[in-house]
Amino acid sequence: MSGDPPVPITVWPVPAPPDGETMSNAMAVRLVHNLTHPTDLVIDLVVGPQLARAVIAAHRRSHLHHRHPGWGREPAMLVVTGWPVDDTPPGEFFARCRAGLLPGGCVAVLLPHGDLVLPVDVVIAAKRAGLAYLQHIVAADRPPRPGQRTQLDIHTDVLILTRRGGADG
Protein backbone atom coordinates (compact mmCIF):
# COMPACT_ATOMS: atom_id res chain seq x y z
CA MET A 1 0.00 0.00 0.00
CA SER A 2 1.35 3.38 -0.97
CA GLY A 3 2.68 5.44 1.93
CA ASP A 4 2.97 2.49 4.31
CA PRO A 5 6.20 0.93 5.48
CA PRO A 6 6.92 -2.41 3.82
CA VAL A 7 5.20 -5.39 5.39
CA PRO A 8 7.49 -8.32 6.18
CA ILE A 9 6.83 -11.56 4.33
CA THR A 10 7.60 -14.81 6.13
CA VAL A 11 7.56 -18.40 4.82
CA TRP A 12 6.14 -21.05 7.14
CA PRO A 13 6.80 -24.65 6.09
CA VAL A 14 3.49 -26.24 7.10
CA PRO A 15 1.23 -28.79 5.40
CA ALA A 16 -1.78 -27.72 3.37
CA PRO A 17 -5.15 -27.84 5.14
CA PRO A 18 -7.37 -30.90 4.76
CA ASP A 19 -10.02 -30.51 2.04
CA GLY A 20 -12.84 -28.25 3.16
CA GLU A 21 -10.96 -26.93 6.21
CA THR A 22 -9.16 -23.66 6.87
CA MET A 23 -5.76 -24.83 8.12
CA SER A 24 -3.51 -27.72 9.09
CA ASN A 25 -2.64 -28.60 12.70
CA ALA A 26 0.87 -27.18 12.21
CA MET A 27 -0.50 -23.84 10.98
CA ALA A 28 -2.83 -23.60 13.98
CA VAL A 29 0.01 -24.31 16.42
CA ARG A 30 2.24 -21.65 14.82
CA LEU A 31 -0.50 -19.01 14.85
CA VAL A 32 -1.36 -19.63 18.51
CA HIS A 33 2.25 -19.76 19.71
CA ASN A 34 3.44 -16.77 17.66
CA LEU A 35 0.52 -14.42 18.26
CA THR A 36 -0.65 -15.15 21.84
CA HIS A 37 0.54 -15.81 25.38
CA PRO A 38 -0.84 -18.28 27.95
CA THR A 39 -4.38 -17.43 29.09
CA ASP A 40 -4.97 -15.06 26.12
CA LEU A 41 -8.38 -15.27 24.50
CA VAL A 42 -8.62 -16.51 20.90
CA ILE A 43 -11.75 -16.14 18.77
CA ASP A 44 -12.06 -19.16 16.47
CA LEU A 45 -13.96 -18.51 13.23
CA VAL A 46 -12.35 -21.28 11.16
CA VAL A 47 -13.64 -24.50 9.64
CA GLY A 48 -12.09 -27.56 11.27
CA PRO A 49 -10.84 -28.56 14.73
CA GLN A 50 -7.18 -27.57 14.31
CA LEU A 51 -7.28 -24.17 15.99
CA ALA A 52 -9.32 -25.43 18.94
CA ARG A 53 -6.75 -28.19 19.52
CA ALA A 54 -3.85 -25.72 19.37
CA VAL A 55 -5.59 -23.33 21.78
CA ILE A 56 -6.17 -26.12 24.33
CA ALA A 57 -2.64 -27.52 24.01
CA ALA A 58 -1.09 -24.05 24.47
CA HIS A 59 -3.23 -23.23 27.55
CA ARG A 60 -5.07 -20.38 25.87
CA ARG A 61 -8.80 -19.70 26.07
CA SER A 62 -11.14 -19.73 23.11
CA HIS A 63 -14.54 -18.60 21.96
CA LEU A 64 -15.64 -20.98 19.21
CA HIS A 65 -17.98 -18.79 17.23
CA HIS A 66 -18.02 -20.19 13.75
CA ARG A 67 -21.36 -19.18 12.19
CA HIS A 68 -22.63 -17.57 15.40
CA PRO A 69 -23.69 -13.92 15.58
CA GLY A 70 -21.99 -12.88 18.86
CA TRP A 71 -18.41 -13.05 20.00
CA GLY A 72 -18.91 -12.32 23.66
CA ARG A 73 -17.97 -9.26 25.67
CA GLU A 74 -14.36 -9.98 26.57
CA PRO A 75 -11.83 -8.58 24.10
CA ALA A 76 -9.48 -11.09 22.49
CA MET A 77 -5.79 -11.11 21.65
CA LEU A 78 -6.35 -13.06 18.41
CA VAL A 79 -9.17 -13.59 15.91
CA VAL A 80 -8.54 -16.32 13.33
CA THR A 81 -10.72 -16.64 10.24
CA GLY A 82 -10.87 -18.04 6.77
CA TRP A 83 -12.07 -15.86 3.92
CA PRO A 84 -14.63 -14.92 2.81
CA VAL A 85 -16.68 -14.74 6.00
CA ASP A 86 -20.21 -15.90 5.15
CA ASP A 87 -22.35 -12.99 3.92
CA THR A 88 -20.94 -10.32 6.23
CA PRO A 89 -19.64 -7.30 4.28
CA PRO A 90 -15.83 -7.02 4.71
CA GLY A 91 -15.93 -3.55 6.28
CA GLU A 92 -18.52 -4.64 8.84
CA PHE A 93 -16.56 -7.80 9.64
CA PHE A 94 -13.29 -5.94 10.23
CA ALA A 95 -14.99 -3.22 12.29
CA ARG A 96 -16.35 -6.00 14.50
CA CYS A 97 -12.88 -7.55 14.73
CA ARG A 98 -11.34 -4.23 15.74
CA ALA A 99 -14.00 -3.69 18.41
CA GLY A 100 -13.42 -7.22 19.76
CA LEU A 101 -9.61 -6.98 19.98
CA LEU A 102 -7.37 -5.78 22.76
CA PRO A 103 -4.94 -3.03 21.71
CA GLY A 104 -2.04 -4.87 20.09
CA GLY A 105 -4.27 -7.85 19.29
CA CYS A 106 -4.28 -9.45 15.85
CA VAL A 107 -6.62 -10.80 13.20
CA ALA A 108 -5.20 -13.67 11.13
CA VAL A 109 -7.00 -14.01 7.78
CA LEU A 110 -6.24 -17.25 5.93
CA LEU A 111 -6.69 -17.18 2.15
CA PRO A 112 -6.14 -19.94 -0.39
CA HIS A 113 -3.06 -18.93 -2.41
CA GLY A 114 -3.43 -17.93 -6.03
CA ASP A 115 -5.71 -14.91 -6.26
CA LEU A 116 -3.51 -11.83 -6.64
CA VAL A 117 -6.29 -9.31 -5.99
CA LEU A 118 -8.02 -10.86 -2.96
CA PRO A 119 -5.26 -10.11 -0.41
CA VAL A 120 -5.24 -6.46 -1.54
CA ASP A 121 -9.02 -6.23 -1.17
CA VAL A 122 -8.83 -7.75 2.32
CA VAL A 123 -6.10 -5.34 3.44
CA ILE A 124 -8.00 -2.32 2.07
CA ALA A 125 -11.20 -3.34 3.90
CA ALA A 126 -9.27 -3.95 7.13
CA LYS A 127 -7.49 -0.59 6.93
CA ARG A 128 -10.77 1.22 6.36
CA ALA A 129 -12.01 -0.38 9.59
CA GLY A 130 -8.99 0.91 11.51
CA LEU A 131 -6.75 -2.18 11.47
CA ALA A 132 -3.09 -2.05 10.41
CA TYR A 133 -1.44 -4.55 8.04
CA LEU A 134 1.33 -6.09 10.15
CA GLN A 135 2.68 -9.16 8.32
CA HIS A 136 2.16 -11.47 5.35
CA ILE A 137 2.85 -15.17 5.88
CA VAL A 138 3.02 -17.61 2.99
CA ALA A 139 2.57 -21.27 3.87
CA ALA A 140 4.36 -23.85 1.75
CA ASP A 141 4.58 -27.62 2.04
CA ARG A 142 8.34 -27.55 2.47
CA PRO A 143 10.87 -24.90 3.53
CA PRO A 144 13.14 -23.13 1.05
CA ARG A 145 16.58 -24.74 0.85
CA PRO A 146 19.60 -22.51 1.36
CA GLY A 147 21.67 -22.12 -1.78
CA GLN A 148 19.01 -23.62 -4.06
CA ARG A 149 16.67 -21.73 -6.32
CA THR A 150 13.37 -23.52 -6.19
CA GLN A 151 9.82 -22.40 -6.56
CA LEU A 152 7.82 -22.91 -3.39
CA ASP A 153 4.51 -24.74 -3.53
CA ILE A 154 2.53 -22.10 -1.63
CA HIS A 155 -0.96 -23.16 -0.55
CA THR A 156 -2.09 -20.46 1.91
CA ASP A 157 -1.59 -16.73 2.41
CA VAL A 158 -2.04 -15.49 5.97
CA LEU A 159 -2.61 -11.77 6.43
CA ILE A 160 -1.87 -10.55 9.96
CA LEU A 161 -3.75 -7.38 10.84
CA THR A 162 -3.49 -5.57 14.14
CA ARG A 163 -5.29 -3.12 16.34
CA ARG A 164 -2.63 -0.64 17.28
CA GLY A 165 -2.18 0.11 20.97
CA GLY A 166 -2.94 3.40 22.68
CA ALA A 167 -5.99 5.24 23.88
CA ASP A 168 -7.69 5.25 20.47
CA GLY A 169 -6.48 1.71 19.64
C-alpha atoms as a PDB file:
ATOM      1  CA  MET A   1       0.000   0.000   0.000  1.00  0.00           C
ATOM      2  CA  SER A   2       1.352   3.383  -0.967  1.00  0.00           C
ATOM      3  CA  GLY A   3       2.685   5.444   1.925  1.00  0.00           C
ATOM      4  CA  ASP A   4       2.969   2.492   4.305  1.00  0.00           C
ATOM      5  CA  PRO A   5       6.203   0.926   5.479  1.00  0.00           C
ATOM      6  CA  PRO A   6       6.922  -2.411   3.816  1.00  0.00           C
ATOM      7  CA  VAL A   7       5.197  -5.393   5.388  1.00  0.00           C
ATOM      8  CA  PRO A   8       7.493  -8.322   6.184  1.00  0.00           C
ATOM      9  CA  ILE A   9       6.826 -11.559   4.331  1.00  0.00           C
ATOM     10  CA  THR A  10       7.601 -14.815   6.126  1.00  0.00           C
ATOM     11  CA  VAL A  11       7.559 -18.396   4.822  1.00  0.00           C
ATOM     12  CA  TRP A  12       6.144 -21.047   7.138  1.00  0.00           C
ATOM     13  CA  PRO A  13       6.802 -24.648   6.088  1.00  0.00           C
ATOM     14  CA  VAL A  14       3.493 -26.243   7.099  1.00  0.00           C
ATOM     15  CA  PRO A  15       1.228 -28.791   5.400  1.00  0.00           C
ATOM     16  CA  ALA A  16      -1.781 -27.717   3.372  1.00  0.00           C
ATOM     17  CA  PRO A  17      -5.151 -27.839   5.136  1.00  0.00           C
ATOM     18  CA  PRO A  18      -7.372 -30.899   4.760  1.00  0.00           C
ATOM     19  CA  ASP A  19     -10.025 -30.508   2.042  1.00  0.00           C
ATOM     20  CA  GLY A  20     -12.844 -28.248   3.163  1.00  0.00           C
ATOM     21  CA  GLU A  21     -10.960 -26.932   6.213  1.00  0.00           C
ATOM     22  CA  THR A  22      -9.159 -23.661   6.868  1.00  0.00           C
ATOM     23  CA  MET A  23      -5.758 -24.827   8.122  1.00  0.00           C
ATOM     24  CA  SER A  24      -3.510 -27.716   9.094  1.00  0.00           C
ATOM     25  CA  ASN A  25      -2.637 -28.595  12.696  1.00  0.00           C
ATOM     26  CA  ALA A  26       0.874 -27.180  12.212  1.00  0.00           C
ATOM     27  CA  MET A  27      -0.501 -23.845  10.977  1.00  0.00           C
ATOM     28  CA  ALA A  28      -2.829 -23.600  13.985  1.00  0.00           C
ATOM     29  CA  VAL A  29       0.011 -24.312  16.417  1.00  0.00           C
ATOM     30  CA  ARG A  30       2.241 -21.654  14.820  1.00  0.00           C
ATOM     31  CA  LEU A  31      -0.496 -19.013  14.853  1.00  0.00           C
ATOM     32  CA  VAL A  32      -1.363 -19.634  18.505  1.00  0.00           C
ATOM     33  CA  HIS A  33       2.254 -19.760  19.709  1.00  0.00           C
ATOM     34  CA  ASN A  34       3.444 -16.772  17.664  1.00  0.00           C
ATOM     35  CA  LEU A  35       0.517 -14.419  18.265  1.00  0.00           C
ATOM     36  CA  THR A  36      -0.652 -15.150  21.836  1.00  0.00           C
ATOM     37  CA  HIS A  37       0.540 -15.806  25.378  1.00  0.00           C
ATOM     38  CA  PRO A  38      -0.844 -18.285  27.950  1.00  0.00           C
ATOM     39  CA  THR A  39      -4.381 -17.429  29.090  1.00  0.00           C
ATOM     40  CA  ASP A  40      -4.965 -15.055  26.123  1.00  0.00           C
ATOM     41  CA  LEU A  41      -8.376 -15.268  24.504  1.00  0.00           C
ATOM     42  CA  VAL A  42      -8.622 -16.510  20.898  1.00  0.00           C
ATOM     43  CA  ILE A  43     -11.754 -16.139  18.767  1.00  0.00           C
ATOM     44  CA  ASP A  44     -12.056 -19.159  16.473  1.00  0.00           C
ATOM     45  CA  LEU A  45     -13.960 -18.512  13.226  1.00  0.00           C
ATOM     46  CA  VAL A  46     -12.349 -21.281  11.165  1.00  0.00           C
ATOM     47  CA  VAL A  47     -13.645 -24.495   9.635  1.00  0.00           C
ATOM     48  CA  GLY A  48     -12.091 -27.564  11.265  1.00  0.00           C
ATOM     49  CA  PRO A  49     -10.838 -28.559  14.731  1.00  0.00           C
ATOM     50  CA  GLN A  50      -7.183 -27.572  14.308  1.00  0.00           C
ATOM     51  CA  LEU A  51      -7.279 -24.166  15.987  1.00  0.00           C
ATOM     52  CA  ALA A  52      -9.320 -25.434  18.945  1.00  0.00           C
ATOM     53  CA  ARG A  53      -6.750 -28.187  19.516  1.00  0.00           C
ATOM     54  CA  ALA A  54      -3.847 -25.722  19.371  1.00  0.00           C
ATOM     55  CA  VAL A  55      -5.590 -23.334  21.785  1.00  0.00           C
ATOM     56  CA  ILE A  56      -6.173 -26.115  24.326  1.00  0.00           C
ATOM     57  CA  ALA A  57      -2.641 -27.516  24.010  1.00  0.00           C
ATOM     58  CA  ALA A  58      -1.095 -24.051  24.473  1.00  0.00           C
ATOM     59  CA  HIS A  59      -3.227 -23.228  27.546  1.00  0.00           C
ATOM     60  CA  ARG A  60      -5.067 -20.383  25.868  1.00  0.00           C
ATOM     61  CA  ARG A  61      -8.796 -19.703  26.068  1.00  0.00           C
ATOM     62  CA  SER A  62     -11.137 -19.733  23.110  1.00  0.00           C
ATOM     63  CA  HIS A  63     -14.536 -18.600  21.956  1.00  0.00           C
ATOM     64  CA  LEU A  64     -15.639 -20.980  19.211  1.00  0.00           C
ATOM     65  CA  HIS A  65     -17.980 -18.794  17.233  1.00  0.00           C
ATOM     66  CA  HIS A  66     -18.023 -20.191  13.748  1.00  0.00           C
ATOM     67  CA  ARG A  67     -21.359 -19.180  12.188  1.00  0.00           C
ATOM     68  CA  HIS A  68     -22.635 -17.571  15.401  1.00  0.00           C
ATOM     69  CA  PRO A  69     -23.692 -13.919  15.583  1.00  0.00           C
ATOM     70  CA  GLY A  70     -21.993 -12.877  18.856  1.00  0.00           C
ATOM     71  CA  TRP A  71     -18.406 -13.050  20.005  1.00  0.00           C
ATOM     72  CA  GLY A  72     -18.905 -12.317  23.665  1.00  0.00           C
ATOM     73  CA  ARG A  73     -17.973  -9.262  25.670  1.00  0.00           C
ATOM     74  CA  GLU A  74     -14.361  -9.982  26.573  1.00  0.00           C
ATOM     75  CA  PRO A  75     -11.828  -8.576  24.096  1.00  0.00           C
ATOM     76  CA  ALA A  76      -9.476 -11.091  22.490  1.00  0.00           C
ATOM     77  CA  MET A  77      -5.790 -11.105  21.646  1.00  0.00           C
ATOM     78  CA  LEU A  78      -6.354 -13.060  18.412  1.00  0.00           C
ATOM     79  CA  VAL A  79      -9.173 -13.586  15.908  1.00  0.00           C
ATOM     80  CA  VAL A  80      -8.541 -16.324  13.326  1.00  0.00           C
ATOM     81  CA  THR A  81     -10.720 -16.636  10.241  1.00  0.00           C
ATOM     82  CA  GLY A  82     -10.868 -18.039   6.770  1.00  0.00           C
ATOM     83  CA  TRP A  83     -12.069 -15.862   3.917  1.00  0.00           C
ATOM     84  CA  PRO A  84     -14.634 -14.921   2.812  1.00  0.00           C
ATOM     85  CA  VAL A  85     -16.679 -14.743   6.000  1.00  0.00           C
ATOM     86  CA  ASP A  86     -20.207 -15.902   5.150  1.00  0.00           C
ATOM     87  CA  ASP A  87     -22.354 -12.995   3.923  1.00  0.00           C
ATOM     88  CA  THR A  88     -20.939 -10.323   6.230  1.00  0.00           C
ATOM     89  CA  PRO A  89     -19.643  -7.297   4.284  1.00  0.00           C
ATOM     90  CA  PRO A  90     -15.832  -7.016   4.706  1.00  0.00           C
ATOM     91  CA  GLY A  91     -15.930  -3.548   6.283  1.00  0.00           C
ATOM     92  CA  GLU A  92     -18.519  -4.637   8.842  1.00  0.00           C
ATOM     93  CA  PHE A  93     -16.564  -7.803   9.641  1.00  0.00           C
ATOM     94  CA  PHE A  94     -13.287  -5.943  10.231  1.00  0.00           C
ATOM     95  CA  ALA A  95     -14.986  -3.218  12.290  1.00  0.00           C
ATOM     96  CA  ARG A  96     -16.349  -5.996  14.496  1.00  0.00           C
ATOM     97  CA  CYS A  97     -12.875  -7.553  14.725  1.00  0.00           C
ATOM     98  CA  ARG A  98     -11.336  -4.231  15.742  1.00  0.00           C
ATOM     99  CA  ALA A  99     -14.003  -3.693  18.407  1.00  0.00           C
ATOM    100  CA  GLY A 100     -13.417  -7.217  19.762  1.00  0.00           C
ATOM    101  CA  LEU A 101      -9.615  -6.980  19.979  1.00  0.00           C
ATOM    102  CA  LEU A 102      -7.375  -5.783  22.762  1.00  0.00           C
ATOM    103  CA  PRO A 103      -4.941  -3.032  21.707  1.00  0.00           C
ATOM    104  CA  GLY A 104      -2.037  -4.874  20.094  1.00  0.00           C
ATOM    105  CA  GLY A 105      -4.272  -7.853  19.287  1.00  0.00           C
ATOM    106  CA  CYS A 106      -4.279  -9.450  15.846  1.00  0.00           C
ATOM    107  CA  VAL A 107      -6.618 -10.796  13.205  1.00  0.00           C
ATOM    108  CA  ALA A 108      -5.203 -13.668  11.125  1.00  0.00           C
ATOM    109  CA  VAL A 109      -7.003 -14.014   7.785  1.00  0.00           C
ATOM    110  CA  LEU A 110      -6.245 -17.250   5.927  1.00  0.00           C
ATOM    111  CA  LEU A 111      -6.688 -17.183   2.147  1.00  0.00           C
ATOM    112  CA  PRO A 112      -6.139 -19.939  -0.393  1.00  0.00           C
ATOM    113  CA  HIS A 113      -3.063 -18.927  -2.410  1.00  0.00           C
ATOM    114  CA  GLY A 114      -3.427 -17.929  -6.027  1.00  0.00           C
ATOM    115  CA  ASP A 115      -5.714 -14.907  -6.264  1.00  0.00           C
ATOM    116  CA  LEU A 116      -3.509 -11.828  -6.638  1.00  0.00           C
ATOM    117  CA  VAL A 117      -6.288  -9.306  -5.986  1.00  0.00           C
ATOM    118  CA  LEU A 118      -8.018 -10.855  -2.961  1.00  0.00           C
ATOM    119  CA  PRO A 119      -5.258 -10.106  -0.410  1.00  0.00           C
ATOM    120  CA  VAL A 120      -5.236  -6.463  -1.538  1.00  0.00           C
ATOM    121  CA  ASP A 121      -9.021  -6.229  -1.173  1.00  0.00           C
ATOM    122  CA  VAL A 122      -8.831  -7.750   2.319  1.00  0.00           C
ATOM    123  CA  VAL A 123      -6.102  -5.336   3.437  1.00  0.00           C
ATOM    124  CA  ILE A 124      -8.002  -2.322   2.067  1.00  0.00           C
ATOM    125  CA  ALA A 125     -11.203  -3.343   3.900  1.00  0.00           C
ATOM    126  CA  ALA A 126      -9.271  -3.949   7.131  1.00  0.00           C
ATOM    127  CA  LYS A 127      -7.486  -0.591   6.932  1.00  0.00           C
ATOM    128  CA  ARG A 128     -10.771   1.222   6.356  1.00  0.00           C
ATOM    129  CA  ALA A 129     -12.014  -0.384   9.589  1.00  0.00           C
ATOM    130  CA  GLY A 130      -8.989   0.906  11.510  1.00  0.00           C
ATOM    131  CA  LEU A 131      -6.749  -2.176  11.466  1.00  0.00           C
ATOM    132  CA  ALA A 132      -3.092  -2.048  10.405  1.00  0.00           C
ATOM    133  CA  TYR A 133      -1.445  -4.553   8.044  1.00  0.00           C
ATOM    134  CA  LEU A 134       1.333  -6.086  10.145  1.00  0.00           C
ATOM    135  CA  GLN A 135       2.684  -9.155   8.322  1.00  0.00           C
ATOM    136  CA  HIS A 136       2.159 -11.473   5.354  1.00  0.00           C
ATOM    137  CA  ILE A 137       2.851 -15.170   5.883  1.00  0.00           C
ATOM    138  CA  VAL A 138       3.025 -17.609   2.991  1.00  0.00           C
ATOM    139  CA  ALA A 139       2.566 -21.266   3.871  1.00  0.00           C
ATOM    140  CA  ALA A 140       4.359 -23.854   1.751  1.00  0.00           C
ATOM    141  CA  ASP A 141       4.579 -27.617   2.044  1.00  0.00           C
ATOM    142  CA  ARG A 142       8.343 -27.549   2.471  1.00  0.00           C
ATOM    143  CA  PRO A 143      10.869 -24.901   3.535  1.00  0.00           C
ATOM    144  CA  PRO A 144      13.143 -23.134   1.055  1.00  0.00           C
ATOM    145  CA  ARG A 145      16.578 -24.740   0.851  1.00  0.00           C
ATOM    146  CA  PRO A 146      19.597 -22.507   1.363  1.00  0.00           C
ATOM    147  CA  GLY A 147      21.672 -22.122  -1.784  1.00  0.00           C
ATOM    148  CA  GLN A 148      19.010 -23.623  -4.064  1.00  0.00           C
ATOM    149  CA  ARG A 149      16.672 -21.726  -6.321  1.00  0.00           C
ATOM    150  CA  THR A 150      13.374 -23.522  -6.194  1.00  0.00           C
ATOM    151  CA  GLN A 151       9.819 -22.395  -6.561  1.00  0.00           C
ATOM    152  CA  LEU A 152       7.821 -22.914  -3.390  1.00  0.00           C
ATOM    153  CA  ASP A 153       4.508 -24.740  -3.529  1.00  0.00           C
ATOM    154  CA  ILE A 154       2.529 -22.105  -1.626  1.00  0.00           C
ATOM    155  CA  HIS A 155      -0.960 -23.164  -0.550  1.00  0.00           C
ATOM    156  CA  THR A 156      -2.092 -20.458   1.906  1.00  0.00           C
ATOM    157  CA  ASP A 157      -1.589 -16.733   2.407  1.00  0.00           C
ATOM    158  CA  VAL A 158      -2.040 -15.492   5.972  1.00  0.00           C
ATOM    159  CA  LEU A 159      -2.606 -11.772   6.432  1.00  0.00           C
ATOM    160  CA  ILE A 160      -1.869 -10.551   9.955  1.00  0.00           C
ATOM    161  CA  LEU A 161      -3.754  -7.377  10.835  1.00  0.00           C
ATOM    162  CA  THR A 162      -3.487  -5.570  14.145  1.00  0.00           C
ATOM    163  CA  ARG A 163      -5.287  -3.123  16.338  1.00  0.00           C
ATOM    164  CA  ARG A 164      -2.630  -0.644  17.283  1.00  0.00           C
ATOM    165  CA  GLY A 165      -2.180   0.113  20.969  1.00  0.00           C
ATOM    166  CA  GLY A 166      -2.939   3.398  22.678  1.00  0.00           C
ATOM    167  CA  ALA A 167      -5.988   5.244  23.879  1.00  0.00           C
ATOM    168  CA  ASP A 168      -7.692   5.250  20.472  1.00  0.00           C
ATOM    169  CA  GLY A 169      -6.479   1.714  19.641  1.00  0.00           C
END
